[in-house]
Amino acid sequence: MKQVILRLLLAFIFLLPLVSSAEAAESYTLDPGHSYVLWRISHFGFSHPTGKWYVNGMVILDKTKPENSKVNVTIQMAGIDTGIAKLDEHLKSQDFFDVKTFPTATFVSNKVKMIGKDSAKVYGTLTLHGVSKPIMLDVKLNKLGMNPISNKETAGFSVTTKLKRSDFNIKAYLPGLGDDVDISIESEANKSS
């Protein structure tokens, strides 16, 4: 009988960290009204126009071990918004994003490296225009707490990265129209019920 109790006690001790870790990981749903990807590119050196997409997705946030957190995001490419209807239509065409053939872009994380209390490098795969490439995001946790509007626990993030559009076979008007794309992401995610 003592051996059975000892085995149960040992099993409990070894399983407790796994249970605690699973309980610490919580699911958050991106708020599409407050989550967007903003891009900026050189227009033949004359200006740096911007555009954005609103995004949908999930964040699995592990507060006790943030390096175990995960991100999975989808962008509906036809939702591009530059504020200029003609430009939006051109960007949706085969010259650029070809949204009929490639209606979505996705980012799925595979590694989180903490670099400070509220900052991390998030590594993952971006699939855009039919091409999947590894990218790294610089992520800052702005705030984690109760949202006074929604009355939901909310996590807010600011994110930056740089891409080369040619890496994703988007090459129209190179090199005059810049290859380097600056990306800024603002996001709020609400704790899932």
N, C-alpha and C. Protein backbone atom coordinates (compact mmCIF):
# COMPACT_ATOMS: atom_id res chain seq x y z
N MET A 1 0.82 -1.19 0.00
CA MET A 1 0.00 0.00 0.00
C MET A 1 0.86 1.26 0.00
N LYS A 2 1.95 1.21 0.78
CA LYS A 2 2.84 2.37 0.84
C LYS A 2 3.43 2.66 -0.54
N GLN A 3 3.76 1.59 -1.29
CA GLN A 3 4.34 1.79 -2.62
C GLN A 3 3.33 2.45 -3.57
N VAL A 4 2.07 2.08 -3.47
CA VAL A 4 1.03 2.68 -4.31
C VAL A 4 0.90 4.16 -4.00
N ILE A 5 0.87 4.50 -2.72
CA ILE A 5 0.76 5.91 -2.30
C ILE A 5 1.99 6.67 -2.77
N LEU A 6 3.18 6.06 -2.60
CA LEU A 6 4.41 6.72 -3.04
C LEU A 6 4.39 6.96 -4.54
N ARG A 7 3.94 5.97 -5.33
CA ARG A 7 3.86 6.15 -6.80
C ARG A 7 2.88 7.26 -7.17
N LEU A 8 1.74 7.29 -6.50
CA LEU A 8 0.75 8.35 -6.77
C LEU A 8 1.31 9.72 -6.43
N LEU A 9 2.02 9.81 -5.31
CA LEU A 9 2.62 11.07 -4.90
C LEU A 9 3.67 11.52 -5.91
N LEU A 10 4.52 10.60 -6.35
CA LEU A 10 5.55 10.93 -7.34
C LEU A 10 4.92 11.35 -8.67
N ALA A 11 3.88 10.62 -9.08
CA ALA A 11 3.18 10.99 -10.33
C ALA A 11 2.61 12.39 -10.22
N PHE A 12 2.01 12.70 -9.06
CA PHE A 12 1.43 14.03 -8.85
C PHE A 12 2.51 15.10 -8.92
N ILE A 13 3.65 14.86 -8.28
CA ILE A 13 4.75 15.84 -8.26
C ILE A 13 5.26 16.09 -9.68
N PHE A 14 5.40 15.03 -10.47
CA PHE A 14 5.92 15.20 -11.83
C PHE A 14 4.90 15.80 -12.78
N LEU A 15 3.63 15.56 -12.55
CA LEU A 15 2.58 16.08 -13.43
C LEU A 15 2.15 17.50 -13.08
N LEU A 16 2.38 17.93 -11.85
CA LEU A 16 1.94 19.26 -11.42
C LEU A 16 2.47 20.38 -12.30
N PRO A 17 3.77 20.40 -12.65
CA PRO A 17 4.25 21.48 -13.53
C PRO A 17 3.54 21.48 -14.89
N LEU A 18 3.21 20.30 -15.41
CA LEU A 18 2.52 20.24 -16.70
C LEU A 18 1.11 20.81 -16.59
N VAL A 19 0.43 20.49 -15.51
CA VAL A 19 -0.93 21.00 -15.30
C VAL A 19 -0.88 22.51 -15.12
N SER A 20 0.06 22.99 -14.29
CA SER A 20 0.17 24.43 -14.05
C SER A 20 0.47 25.18 -15.33
N SER A 21 1.37 24.63 -16.16
CA SER A 21 1.72 25.27 -17.42
C SER A 21 0.53 25.33 -18.36
N ALA A 22 -0.25 24.24 -18.42
CA ALA A 22 -1.42 24.22 -19.30
C ALA A 22 -2.45 25.23 -18.84
N GLU A 23 -2.60 25.38 -17.50
CA GLU A 23 -3.56 26.34 -16.98
C GLU A 23 -3.10 27.77 -17.23
N ALA A 24 -1.79 28.00 -17.27
CA ALA A 24 -1.26 29.35 -17.46
C ALA A 24 -1.45 29.82 -18.90
N ALA A 25 -1.50 28.91 -19.85
CA ALA A 25 -1.67 29.28 -21.26
C ALA A 25 -3.15 29.57 -21.51
N GLU A 26 -3.43 30.79 -21.97
CA GLU A 26 -4.81 31.20 -22.20
C GLU A 26 -4.97 31.67 -23.64
N SER A 27 -6.14 31.45 -24.17
CA SER A 27 -6.44 31.79 -25.55
C SER A 27 -7.06 33.18 -25.64
N TYR A 28 -6.54 33.98 -26.57
CA TYR A 28 -7.05 35.33 -26.83
C TYR A 28 -7.40 35.43 -28.31
N THR A 29 -8.51 36.08 -28.59
CA THR A 29 -8.95 36.29 -29.98
C THR A 29 -8.65 37.72 -30.37
N LEU A 30 -8.00 37.90 -31.52
CA LEU A 30 -7.71 39.26 -31.99
C LEU A 30 -9.01 40.01 -32.24
N ASP A 31 -9.05 41.24 -31.81
CA ASP A 31 -10.18 42.13 -32.06
C ASP A 31 -9.96 42.76 -33.43
N PRO A 32 -10.73 42.35 -34.48
CA PRO A 32 -10.45 42.85 -35.82
C PRO A 32 -10.67 44.36 -35.98
N GLY A 33 -11.38 44.96 -35.04
CA GLY A 33 -11.55 46.42 -35.09
C GLY A 33 -10.36 47.17 -34.51
N HIS A 34 -9.48 46.46 -33.81
CA HIS A 34 -8.31 47.09 -33.19
C HIS A 34 -7.03 46.33 -33.49
N SER A 35 -7.02 45.56 -34.57
CA SER A 35 -5.83 44.80 -34.94
C SER A 35 -5.59 44.95 -36.44
N TYR A 36 -4.47 45.53 -36.78
CA TYR A 36 -4.19 45.75 -38.20
C TYR A 36 -2.69 45.70 -38.49
N VAL A 37 -2.42 45.43 -39.76
CA VAL A 37 -1.06 45.45 -40.30
C VAL A 37 -0.94 46.68 -41.19
N LEU A 38 0.00 47.55 -40.86
CA LEU A 38 0.25 48.77 -41.63
C LEU A 38 1.58 48.62 -42.35
N TRP A 39 1.59 48.86 -43.66
CA TRP A 39 2.84 48.76 -44.42
C TRP A 39 3.22 50.13 -44.98
N ARG A 40 4.51 50.27 -45.26
CA ARG A 40 5.05 51.53 -45.81
C ARG A 40 6.14 51.16 -46.79
N ILE A 41 6.13 51.84 -47.96
CA ILE A 41 7.07 51.51 -49.02
C ILE A 41 7.48 52.78 -49.77
N SER A 42 8.66 52.79 -50.32
CA SER A 42 9.12 53.95 -51.10
C SER A 42 8.45 53.95 -52.48
N HIS A 43 7.91 55.10 -52.85
CA HIS A 43 7.29 55.28 -54.17
C HIS A 43 8.24 56.09 -55.05
N PHE A 44 9.20 55.39 -55.66
CA PHE A 44 10.20 55.98 -56.55
C PHE A 44 11.00 57.08 -55.86
N GLY A 45 11.10 57.02 -54.52
CA GLY A 45 11.86 58.00 -53.76
C GLY A 45 11.12 59.30 -53.51
N PHE A 46 9.93 59.46 -54.11
CA PHE A 46 9.18 60.72 -53.95
C PHE A 46 8.40 60.76 -52.64
N SER A 47 7.88 59.63 -52.23
CA SER A 47 7.07 59.57 -51.02
C SER A 47 7.09 58.16 -50.47
N HIS A 48 6.44 57.98 -49.35
CA HIS A 48 6.38 56.67 -48.70
C HIS A 48 4.92 56.37 -48.34
N PRO A 49 4.14 55.94 -49.34
CA PRO A 49 2.73 55.66 -49.08
C PRO A 49 2.54 54.46 -48.14
N THR A 50 1.37 54.45 -47.53
CA THR A 50 1.04 53.37 -46.59
C THR A 50 -0.31 52.75 -46.96
N GLY A 51 -0.53 51.59 -46.42
CA GLY A 51 -1.82 50.92 -46.54
C GLY A 51 -1.94 49.96 -45.39
N LYS A 52 -3.13 49.42 -45.21
CA LYS A 52 -3.30 48.48 -44.11
C LYS A 52 -4.36 47.44 -44.39
N TRP A 53 -4.26 46.38 -43.62
CA TRP A 53 -5.26 45.33 -43.57
C TRP A 53 -5.66 45.14 -42.11
N TYR A 54 -6.92 44.88 -41.87
CA TYR A 54 -7.36 44.42 -40.55
C TYR A 54 -7.18 42.91 -40.54
N VAL A 55 -6.91 42.36 -39.37
CA VAL A 55 -6.56 40.95 -39.29
C VAL A 55 -7.43 40.19 -38.29
N ASN A 56 -7.49 38.88 -38.48
CA ASN A 56 -8.17 37.96 -37.57
C ASN A 56 -7.16 36.94 -37.10
N GLY A 57 -7.39 36.40 -35.92
CA GLY A 57 -6.49 35.35 -35.46
C GLY A 57 -6.57 35.12 -33.98
N MET A 58 -5.63 34.31 -33.52
CA MET A 58 -5.58 33.88 -32.12
C MET A 58 -4.17 34.07 -31.57
N VAL A 59 -4.12 34.35 -30.27
CA VAL A 59 -2.87 34.37 -29.52
C VAL A 59 -3.06 33.42 -28.35
N ILE A 60 -2.14 32.49 -28.18
CA ILE A 60 -2.11 31.67 -26.97
C ILE A 60 -1.04 32.30 -26.09
N LEU A 61 -1.47 32.90 -25.00
CA LEU A 61 -0.57 33.66 -24.14
C LEU A 61 -0.30 32.87 -22.86
N ASP A 62 0.95 32.53 -22.66
CA ASP A 62 1.37 31.81 -21.46
C ASP A 62 2.07 32.82 -20.55
N LYS A 63 1.37 33.24 -19.50
CA LYS A 63 1.88 34.31 -18.64
C LYS A 63 3.07 33.84 -17.79
N THR A 64 3.10 32.57 -17.42
CA THR A 64 4.19 32.08 -16.58
C THR A 64 5.43 31.72 -17.39
N LYS A 65 5.22 31.29 -18.64
CA LYS A 65 6.33 30.97 -19.53
C LYS A 65 6.03 31.58 -20.90
N PRO A 66 6.25 32.90 -21.04
CA PRO A 66 5.89 33.58 -22.29
C PRO A 66 6.52 32.97 -23.53
N GLU A 67 7.66 32.28 -23.37
CA GLU A 67 8.31 31.65 -24.53
C GLU A 67 7.47 30.52 -25.10
N ASN A 68 6.45 30.07 -24.38
CA ASN A 68 5.54 29.04 -24.88
C ASN A 68 4.32 29.63 -25.59
N SER A 69 4.25 30.95 -25.68
CA SER A 69 3.11 31.59 -26.33
C SER A 69 3.15 31.35 -27.83
N LYS A 70 1.97 31.51 -28.47
CA LYS A 70 1.87 31.25 -29.91
C LYS A 70 0.95 32.28 -30.56
N VAL A 71 1.15 32.47 -31.86
CA VAL A 71 0.34 33.40 -32.65
C VAL A 71 -0.07 32.72 -33.95
N ASN A 72 -1.32 32.93 -34.36
CA ASN A 72 -1.81 32.41 -35.63
C ASN A 72 -2.75 33.47 -36.21
N VAL A 73 -2.35 34.09 -37.31
CA VAL A 73 -3.07 35.24 -37.86
C VAL A 73 -3.40 35.01 -39.33
N THR A 74 -4.59 35.49 -39.75
CA THR A 74 -4.99 35.44 -41.15
C THR A 74 -5.38 36.84 -41.61
N ILE A 75 -4.92 37.19 -42.81
CA ILE A 75 -5.25 38.48 -43.43
C ILE A 75 -6.06 38.20 -44.69
N GLN A 76 -7.20 38.83 -44.81
CA GLN A 76 -7.99 38.78 -46.05
C GLN A 76 -7.41 39.85 -46.98
N MET A 77 -6.68 39.44 -48.01
CA MET A 77 -5.90 40.36 -48.84
C MET A 77 -6.77 41.37 -49.59
N ALA A 78 -8.00 40.99 -49.93
CA ALA A 78 -8.88 41.91 -50.65
C ALA A 78 -9.31 43.08 -49.78
N GLY A 79 -9.07 42.99 -48.47
CA GLY A 79 -9.44 44.07 -47.56
C GLY A 79 -8.43 45.19 -47.49
N ILE A 80 -7.46 45.22 -48.39
CA ILE A 80 -6.43 46.27 -48.36
C ILE A 80 -7.08 47.64 -48.42
N ASP A 81 -6.53 48.58 -47.64
CA ASP A 81 -7.07 49.94 -47.57
C ASP A 81 -5.94 50.95 -47.55
N THR A 82 -5.82 51.70 -48.65
CA THR A 82 -4.84 52.78 -48.70
C THR A 82 -5.52 54.14 -48.58
N GLY A 83 -6.85 54.13 -48.65
CA GLY A 83 -7.59 55.39 -48.67
C GLY A 83 -7.77 55.93 -50.08
N ILE A 84 -7.21 55.22 -51.07
CA ILE A 84 -7.31 55.63 -52.48
C ILE A 84 -7.86 54.43 -53.25
N ALA A 85 -9.13 54.51 -53.64
CA ALA A 85 -9.83 53.37 -54.24
C ALA A 85 -9.11 52.81 -55.47
N LYS A 86 -8.60 53.68 -56.36
CA LYS A 86 -7.92 53.21 -57.57
C LYS A 86 -6.64 52.45 -57.23
N LEU A 87 -5.92 52.95 -56.24
CA LEU A 87 -4.69 52.28 -55.81
C LEU A 87 -5.03 50.92 -55.18
N ASP A 88 -6.09 50.88 -54.37
CA ASP A 88 -6.50 49.60 -53.78
C ASP A 88 -6.77 48.56 -54.86
N GLU A 89 -7.49 48.96 -55.90
CA GLU A 89 -7.80 48.03 -57.00
C GLU A 89 -6.53 47.56 -57.70
N HIS A 90 -5.58 48.49 -57.93
CA HIS A 90 -4.32 48.10 -58.58
C HIS A 90 -3.55 47.13 -57.70
N LEU A 91 -3.50 47.37 -56.40
CA LEU A 91 -2.77 46.48 -55.50
C LEU A 91 -3.41 45.09 -55.41
N LYS A 92 -4.72 45.00 -55.64
CA LYS A 92 -5.41 43.71 -55.63
C LYS A 92 -5.15 42.92 -56.92
N SER A 93 -4.65 43.59 -57.95
CA SER A 93 -4.47 42.96 -59.27
C SER A 93 -3.28 42.02 -59.31
N GLN A 94 -3.09 41.38 -60.47
CA GLN A 94 -1.97 40.45 -60.66
C GLN A 94 -0.62 41.15 -60.58
N ASP A 95 -0.58 42.46 -60.78
CA ASP A 95 0.69 43.19 -60.65
C ASP A 95 1.27 43.07 -59.23
N PHE A 96 0.37 42.99 -58.25
CA PHE A 96 0.83 42.99 -56.87
C PHE A 96 0.32 41.75 -56.11
N PHE A 97 -0.77 41.87 -55.38
CA PHE A 97 -1.18 40.79 -54.47
C PHE A 97 -2.03 39.71 -55.12
N ASP A 98 -2.58 39.95 -56.30
CA ASP A 98 -3.35 38.95 -57.04
C ASP A 98 -4.33 38.23 -56.10
N VAL A 99 -5.25 39.03 -55.53
CA VAL A 99 -6.12 38.51 -54.47
C VAL A 99 -7.09 37.44 -54.94
N LYS A 100 -7.35 37.36 -56.25
CA LYS A 100 -8.21 36.27 -56.73
C LYS A 100 -7.52 34.92 -56.60
N THR A 101 -6.22 34.90 -56.87
CA THR A 101 -5.45 33.65 -56.77
C THR A 101 -4.98 33.38 -55.34
N PHE A 102 -4.63 34.46 -54.62
CA PHE A 102 -4.08 34.34 -53.26
C PHE A 102 -4.92 35.20 -52.30
N PRO A 103 -6.10 34.71 -51.92
CA PRO A 103 -7.03 35.54 -51.14
C PRO A 103 -6.60 35.82 -49.70
N THR A 104 -5.72 34.99 -49.14
CA THR A 104 -5.31 35.21 -47.76
C THR A 104 -3.79 35.17 -47.62
N ALA A 105 -3.33 35.79 -46.55
CA ALA A 105 -1.95 35.65 -46.09
C ALA A 105 -2.05 35.16 -44.65
N THR A 106 -1.06 34.39 -44.21
CA THR A 106 -1.08 33.88 -42.84
C THR A 106 0.29 34.04 -42.19
N PHE A 107 0.26 34.17 -40.87
CA PHE A 107 1.49 34.10 -40.08
C PHE A 107 1.23 33.12 -38.95
N VAL A 108 2.13 32.14 -38.81
CA VAL A 108 2.04 31.15 -37.74
C VAL A 108 3.40 31.13 -37.03
N SER A 109 3.38 31.41 -35.74
CA SER A 109 4.64 31.45 -34.98
C SER A 109 5.14 30.04 -34.69
N ASN A 110 6.47 29.95 -34.49
CA ASN A 110 7.05 28.67 -34.08
C ASN A 110 8.07 28.82 -32.96
N LYS A 111 8.37 30.08 -32.56
CA LYS A 111 9.33 30.30 -31.48
C LYS A 111 9.14 31.71 -30.93
N VAL A 112 9.21 31.83 -29.61
CA VAL A 112 9.18 33.13 -28.95
C VAL A 112 10.43 33.23 -28.09
N LYS A 113 11.20 34.30 -28.30
CA LYS A 113 12.41 34.53 -27.51
C LYS A 113 12.22 35.84 -26.74
N MET A 114 12.13 35.74 -25.43
CA MET A 114 11.97 36.93 -24.60
C MET A 114 13.27 37.71 -24.58
N ILE A 115 13.18 39.04 -24.77
CA ILE A 115 14.37 39.89 -24.72
C ILE A 115 14.25 40.96 -23.64
N GLY A 116 13.13 40.98 -22.96
CA GLY A 116 12.88 41.90 -21.87
C GLY A 116 11.59 41.50 -21.20
N LYS A 117 11.23 42.21 -20.14
CA LYS A 117 10.02 41.86 -19.38
C LYS A 117 8.78 41.88 -20.27
N ASP A 118 8.69 42.88 -21.14
CA ASP A 118 7.51 43.05 -21.99
C ASP A 118 7.84 43.04 -23.47
N SER A 119 8.99 42.48 -23.86
CA SER A 119 9.37 42.47 -25.27
C SER A 119 9.94 41.11 -25.67
N ALA A 120 9.70 40.79 -26.93
CA ALA A 120 10.12 39.47 -27.43
C ALA A 120 10.39 39.53 -28.92
N LYS A 121 11.12 38.57 -29.38
CA LYS A 121 11.25 38.32 -30.81
C LYS A 121 10.42 37.08 -31.09
N VAL A 122 9.47 37.21 -32.01
CA VAL A 122 8.58 36.11 -32.34
C VAL A 122 8.93 35.65 -33.76
N TYR A 123 9.30 34.39 -33.87
CA TYR A 123 9.70 33.79 -35.14
C TYR A 123 8.55 32.95 -35.67
N GLY A 124 8.42 32.92 -36.99
CA GLY A 124 7.37 32.10 -37.58
C GLY A 124 7.43 32.13 -39.08
N THR A 125 6.37 31.61 -39.69
CA THR A 125 6.30 31.52 -41.15
C THR A 125 5.19 32.43 -41.66
N LEU A 126 5.56 33.32 -42.58
CA LEU A 126 4.60 34.16 -43.29
C LEU A 126 4.35 33.52 -44.65
N THR A 127 3.09 33.28 -44.95
CA THR A 127 2.71 32.80 -46.28
C THR A 127 1.96 33.92 -46.96
N LEU A 128 2.53 34.41 -48.05
CA LEU A 128 2.00 35.57 -48.78
C LEU A 128 2.22 35.34 -50.27
N HIS A 129 1.19 35.56 -51.07
CA HIS A 129 1.32 35.45 -52.52
C HIS A 129 1.81 34.06 -52.92
N GLY A 130 1.40 33.03 -52.16
CA GLY A 130 1.76 31.66 -52.47
C GLY A 130 3.16 31.25 -52.06
N VAL A 131 3.87 32.12 -51.33
CA VAL A 131 5.24 31.83 -50.90
C VAL A 131 5.29 31.83 -49.38
N SER A 132 5.93 30.82 -48.81
CA SER A 132 6.10 30.74 -47.36
C SER A 132 7.56 31.00 -47.01
N LYS A 133 7.78 31.97 -46.11
CA LYS A 133 9.14 32.34 -45.71
C LYS A 133 9.19 32.56 -44.20
N PRO A 134 10.32 32.24 -43.58
CA PRO A 134 10.47 32.55 -42.16
C PRO A 134 10.68 34.06 -41.98
N ILE A 135 10.02 34.61 -40.97
CA ILE A 135 10.24 36.02 -40.63
C ILE A 135 10.34 36.15 -39.12
N MET A 136 10.81 37.31 -38.65
CA MET A 136 10.92 37.59 -37.22
C MET A 136 10.19 38.90 -36.94
N LEU A 137 9.39 38.89 -35.89
CA LEU A 137 8.65 40.07 -35.46
C LEU A 137 9.23 40.58 -34.14
N ASP A 138 9.43 41.90 -34.03
CA ASP A 138 9.77 42.51 -32.75
C ASP A 138 8.46 42.89 -32.08
N VAL A 139 8.19 42.28 -30.93
CA VAL A 139 6.89 42.43 -30.27
C VAL A 139 7.05 43.08 -28.91
N LYS A 140 6.19 44.06 -28.63
CA LYS A 140 6.13 44.69 -27.32
C LYS A 140 4.73 44.50 -26.75
N LEU A 141 4.65 43.95 -25.55
CA LEU A 141 3.38 43.86 -24.85
C LEU A 141 3.13 45.24 -24.24
N ASN A 142 2.08 45.92 -24.71
CA ASN A 142 1.77 47.26 -24.20
C ASN A 142 1.05 47.20 -22.87
N LYS A 143 0.05 46.33 -22.80
CA LYS A 143 -0.75 46.26 -21.58
C LYS A 143 -1.53 44.96 -21.56
N LEU A 144 -1.70 44.42 -20.36
CA LEU A 144 -2.52 43.24 -20.14
C LEU A 144 -3.43 43.56 -18.97
N GLY A 145 -4.74 43.58 -19.22
CA GLY A 145 -5.66 43.92 -18.14
C GLY A 145 -7.09 43.97 -18.62
N MET A 146 -7.96 44.43 -17.74
CA MET A 146 -9.38 44.51 -18.05
C MET A 146 -9.64 45.72 -18.95
N ASN A 147 -10.30 45.47 -20.09
CA ASN A 147 -10.66 46.53 -21.02
C ASN A 147 -11.93 47.21 -20.51
N PRO A 148 -11.90 48.54 -20.28
CA PRO A 148 -13.06 49.22 -19.70
C PRO A 148 -14.27 49.30 -20.65
N ILE A 149 -14.05 49.08 -21.94
CA ILE A 149 -15.14 49.14 -22.92
C ILE A 149 -15.81 47.77 -23.05
N SER A 150 -15.01 46.74 -23.26
CA SER A 150 -15.56 45.40 -23.50
C SER A 150 -15.77 44.58 -22.21
N ASN A 151 -15.15 45.05 -21.12
CA ASN A 151 -15.17 44.31 -19.85
C ASN A 151 -14.57 42.90 -20.02
N LYS A 152 -13.58 42.79 -20.91
CA LYS A 152 -12.87 41.53 -21.12
C LYS A 152 -11.39 41.74 -20.84
N GLU A 153 -10.73 40.68 -20.36
CA GLU A 153 -9.29 40.76 -20.22
C GLU A 153 -8.70 40.90 -21.62
N THR A 154 -7.84 41.91 -21.78
CA THR A 154 -7.31 42.25 -23.10
C THR A 154 -5.80 42.36 -23.05
N ALA A 155 -5.16 41.88 -24.10
CA ALA A 155 -3.72 42.03 -24.27
C ALA A 155 -3.49 42.93 -25.48
N GLY A 156 -2.66 43.95 -25.31
CA GLY A 156 -2.36 44.87 -26.42
C GLY A 156 -0.90 44.79 -26.79
N PHE A 157 -0.63 44.73 -28.10
CA PHE A 157 0.72 44.56 -28.61
C PHE A 157 1.05 45.59 -29.69
N SER A 158 2.31 46.01 -29.75
CA SER A 158 2.86 46.76 -30.88
C SER A 158 3.97 45.90 -31.47
N VAL A 159 3.99 45.81 -32.81
CA VAL A 159 4.90 44.88 -33.49
C VAL A 159 5.53 45.60 -34.69
N THR A 160 6.78 45.32 -34.95
CA THR A 160 7.44 45.83 -36.16
C THR A 160 8.24 44.72 -36.82
N THR A 161 8.42 44.86 -38.14
CA THR A 161 9.31 43.99 -38.89
C THR A 161 9.59 44.65 -40.23
N LYS A 162 10.49 44.07 -40.99
CA LYS A 162 10.79 44.52 -42.36
C LYS A 162 10.76 43.30 -43.26
N LEU A 163 10.26 43.51 -44.47
CA LEU A 163 10.21 42.45 -45.47
C LEU A 163 10.76 42.96 -46.78
N LYS A 164 11.14 42.03 -47.64
CA LYS A 164 11.42 42.34 -49.04
C LYS A 164 10.28 41.75 -49.85
N ARG A 165 9.57 42.57 -50.60
CA ARG A 165 8.42 42.06 -51.35
C ARG A 165 8.85 41.08 -52.43
N SER A 166 10.06 41.25 -52.96
CA SER A 166 10.54 40.32 -53.99
C SER A 166 10.70 38.90 -53.43
N ASP A 167 10.92 38.77 -52.11
CA ASP A 167 11.01 37.44 -51.50
C ASP A 167 9.70 36.67 -51.66
N PHE A 168 8.60 37.41 -51.89
CA PHE A 168 7.29 36.79 -52.03
C PHE A 168 6.76 36.90 -53.46
N ASN A 169 7.70 37.06 -54.41
CA ASN A 169 7.38 37.16 -55.84
C ASN A 169 6.43 38.30 -56.18
N ILE A 170 6.56 39.41 -55.46
CA ILE A 170 5.82 40.63 -55.78
C ILE A 170 6.86 41.63 -56.27
N LYS A 171 7.02 41.70 -57.60
CA LYS A 171 8.18 42.39 -58.17
C LYS A 171 7.83 43.56 -59.10
N ALA A 172 6.56 43.91 -59.20
CA ALA A 172 6.16 44.98 -60.13
C ALA A 172 6.89 46.28 -59.81
N TYR A 173 7.41 46.90 -60.86
CA TYR A 173 8.04 48.23 -60.82
C TYR A 173 9.32 48.30 -59.99
N LEU A 174 9.95 47.15 -59.73
CA LEU A 174 11.26 47.19 -59.09
C LEU A 174 12.28 47.72 -60.08
N PRO A 175 13.31 48.45 -59.70
CA PRO A 175 13.63 48.84 -58.32
C PRO A 175 13.03 50.19 -57.92
N GLY A 176 12.39 50.90 -58.87
CA GLY A 176 11.86 52.23 -58.54
C GLY A 176 10.90 52.21 -57.38
N LEU A 177 9.93 51.32 -57.45
CA LEU A 177 9.01 51.11 -56.32
C LEU A 177 9.74 50.19 -55.36
N GLY A 178 9.97 50.65 -54.16
CA GLY A 178 10.86 49.98 -53.21
C GLY A 178 10.59 48.51 -52.99
N ASP A 179 11.67 47.79 -52.76
CA ASP A 179 11.59 46.37 -52.42
C ASP A 179 11.40 46.20 -50.91
N ASP A 180 11.99 47.11 -50.13
CA ASP A 180 11.89 47.03 -48.67
C ASP A 180 10.54 47.56 -48.21
N VAL A 181 9.89 46.77 -47.36
CA VAL A 181 8.58 47.14 -46.83
C VAL A 181 8.68 47.19 -45.31
N ASP A 182 8.37 48.36 -44.75
CA ASP A 182 8.32 48.50 -43.29
C ASP A 182 6.93 48.11 -42.82
N ILE A 183 6.87 47.25 -41.83
CA ILE A 183 5.59 46.77 -41.30
C ILE A 183 5.45 47.19 -39.84
N SER A 184 4.29 47.77 -39.52
CA SER A 184 3.93 48.07 -38.13
C SER A 184 2.59 47.42 -37.87
N ILE A 185 2.48 46.75 -36.75
CA ILE A 185 1.24 46.05 -36.40
C ILE A 185 0.80 46.54 -35.02
N GLU A 186 -0.47 46.90 -34.93
CA GLU A 186 -1.07 47.22 -33.64
C GLU A 186 -2.18 46.20 -33.42
N SER A 187 -2.25 45.66 -32.22
CA SER A 187 -3.20 44.59 -32.00
C SER A 187 -3.75 44.60 -30.58
N GLU A 188 -5.04 44.32 -30.48
CA GLU A 188 -5.67 44.04 -29.20
C GLU A 188 -6.33 42.68 -29.31
N ALA A 189 -6.14 41.86 -28.28
CA ALA A 189 -6.73 40.52 -28.29
C ALA A 189 -7.49 40.33 -26.98
N ASN A 190 -8.71 39.83 -27.10
CA ASN A 190 -9.56 39.63 -25.94
C ASN A 190 -9.52 38.17 -25.51
N LYS A 191 -9.46 37.96 -24.19
CA LYS A 191 -9.43 36.61 -23.66
C LYS A 191 -10.70 35.87 -24.10
N SER A 192 -10.50 34.68 -24.66
CA SER A 192 -11.63 33.88 -25.12
C SER A 192 -12.42 33.35 -23.93
N SER A 193 -13.72 33.26 -24.10
CA SER A 193 -14.58 32.79 -23.00
C SER A 193 -14.40 31.31 -22.77
